[in-house]
Protein backbone atom coordinates (compact mmCIF):
# COMPACT_ATOMS: atom_id res chain seq x y z
CA MET A 1 131.37 166.46 138.82
CA LYS A 2 131.84 162.72 138.85
CA PHE A 3 128.89 160.34 139.07
CA LEU A 4 128.65 156.57 139.26
CA LEU A 5 125.70 155.01 137.48
CA ASN A 6 124.86 151.71 139.16
CA VAL A 7 122.76 149.60 136.81
CA TYR A 8 120.35 147.01 138.21
CA ALA A 9 118.53 144.45 136.07
CA SER A 10 117.27 140.90 136.17
CA ALA A 11 119.97 138.29 135.67
CA ALA A 12 118.35 137.30 132.37
CA THR A 13 118.54 140.82 130.92
CA ALA A 14 121.37 141.63 128.55
CA LEU A 15 122.49 145.23 128.86
CA ASP A 16 122.67 147.38 125.75
CA HIS A 17 125.78 149.50 126.17
CA GLU A 18 125.67 151.05 122.70
CA ARG A 19 123.57 154.11 123.54
CA ILE A 20 125.58 155.38 126.49
CA LEU A 21 128.87 154.49 124.80
CA ALA A 22 127.82 156.44 121.73
CA VAL A 23 126.60 159.53 123.59
CA ALA A 24 128.84 159.76 126.69
CA GLY A 25 131.84 158.28 124.94
CA ARG A 26 131.65 160.77 122.09
CA SER A 27 131.17 163.73 124.45
CA GLY A 28 134.10 162.69 126.65
CA GLU A 29 131.90 162.28 129.74
CA LEU A 30 132.45 158.51 130.04
CA ILE A 31 135.48 157.69 132.20
CA ALA A 32 134.90 153.91 132.48
CA GLY A 33 132.17 151.33 132.15
CA HIS A 34 131.86 147.75 133.28
CA ALA A 35 129.29 145.05 132.72
CA LEU A 36 129.13 142.57 135.58
CA SER A 37 128.91 138.81 135.18
CA ASP A 38 125.86 136.82 136.22
CA PRO A 39 125.36 137.12 140.01
CA SER A 40 125.08 133.34 140.37
CA ILE A 41 128.86 133.05 139.93
CA SER A 42 129.72 135.75 142.46
CA THR A 43 131.39 135.22 145.83
CA VAL A 44 130.18 137.03 148.93
CA VAL A 45 132.66 137.79 151.74
CA GLN A 46 131.41 138.91 155.14
CA VAL A 47 133.05 139.26 158.56
CA ARG A 48 130.91 138.39 161.58
CA ASP A 49 132.47 138.78 165.03
CA GLY A 50 135.94 138.57 163.50
CA VAL A 51 135.14 135.38 161.52
CA VAL A 52 135.40 135.54 157.73
CA GLU A 53 132.47 133.91 155.92
CA VAL A 54 132.74 133.12 152.20
CA ASN A 55 129.63 132.08 150.27
CA ASP A 56 128.93 131.49 146.60
CA GLY A 57 126.05 132.93 144.66
CA PRO A 58 124.18 136.19 144.67
CA TYR A 59 124.18 138.31 147.79
CA LEU A 60 120.47 139.06 147.79
CA PRO A 61 117.63 136.98 146.33
CA VAL A 62 115.94 139.90 144.57
CA ALA A 63 114.43 140.47 141.15
CA GLN A 64 117.16 142.93 140.12
CA GLN A 65 120.88 142.50 140.74
CA ALA A 66 123.84 144.80 140.07
CA ALA A 67 124.47 144.42 136.34
CA GLY A 68 126.97 147.14 135.48
CA GLN A 69 128.50 150.48 136.32
CA TYR A 70 129.48 153.61 134.43
CA LEU A 71 131.74 156.31 135.82
CA LEU A 72 130.94 159.73 134.32
CA ASP A 73 132.37 163.21 134.54
CA CYS A 74 129.43 165.55 133.83
CA GLU A 75 128.70 169.23 134.23
CA SER A 76 125.66 168.57 136.44
CA ARG A 77 123.47 166.00 138.16
CA GLU A 78 120.81 166.70 135.54
CA ARG A 79 123.20 165.63 132.75
CA ALA A 80 124.08 162.45 134.66
CA VAL A 81 120.35 161.70 134.95
CA GLU A 82 119.92 162.21 131.17
CA LEU A 83 122.68 159.66 130.51
CA ALA A 84 121.21 157.27 133.09
CA ALA A 85 117.91 157.42 131.22
CA LEU A 86 119.67 156.13 128.08
CA VAL A 87 120.75 153.05 130.01
CA ALA A 88 117.44 152.48 131.81
CA ASP A 89 115.44 152.84 128.59
CA GLY A 90 117.60 150.22 126.91
CA HIS A 91 116.91 147.39 129.38
CA GLY A 92 113.91 148.29 131.52
CA GLY A 93 115.86 148.05 134.77
CA THR A 94 116.87 150.63 137.33
CA VAL A 95 119.83 153.01 137.24
CA GLU A 96 121.06 154.72 140.40
CA VAL A 97 122.91 158.03 139.92
CA ARG A 98 125.33 158.58 142.78
CA PRO A 99 127.82 161.43 143.19
CA VAL A 100 131.41 160.29 143.75
CA MET A 101 133.28 161.53 146.81
CA ASP A 102 137.01 162.13 146.96
CA SER A 103 139.15 162.04 150.11
CA ALA A 104 138.07 165.60 151.00
CA GLY A 105 134.35 164.84 150.70
CA TRP A 106 131.90 165.50 147.88
CA GLU A 107 133.56 166.09 144.53
CA MET A 108 131.58 169.15 143.47
């Protein structure tokens, strides 16, 4: 089963990728991982009534922003949660574990 770990943290928090890279990388469960740049240099694109709006800066003024993502291929949701805990413990933020769907629906 494939899972996407969405990592949320404050913009000032540096993510520690070593733990999940060591565990999930060694086990072959890690497909890809990406750290995201500071949200202040992002660009937000929205379409309102057919008009494209482009704005600079973070999308939402919240305490935690999207900070990174890991794509995993695990045997179970429980294993994905174990790996998410490695990330969350390393930076004190939040990690969302979300199953990945393919064109036919849930990839189970």
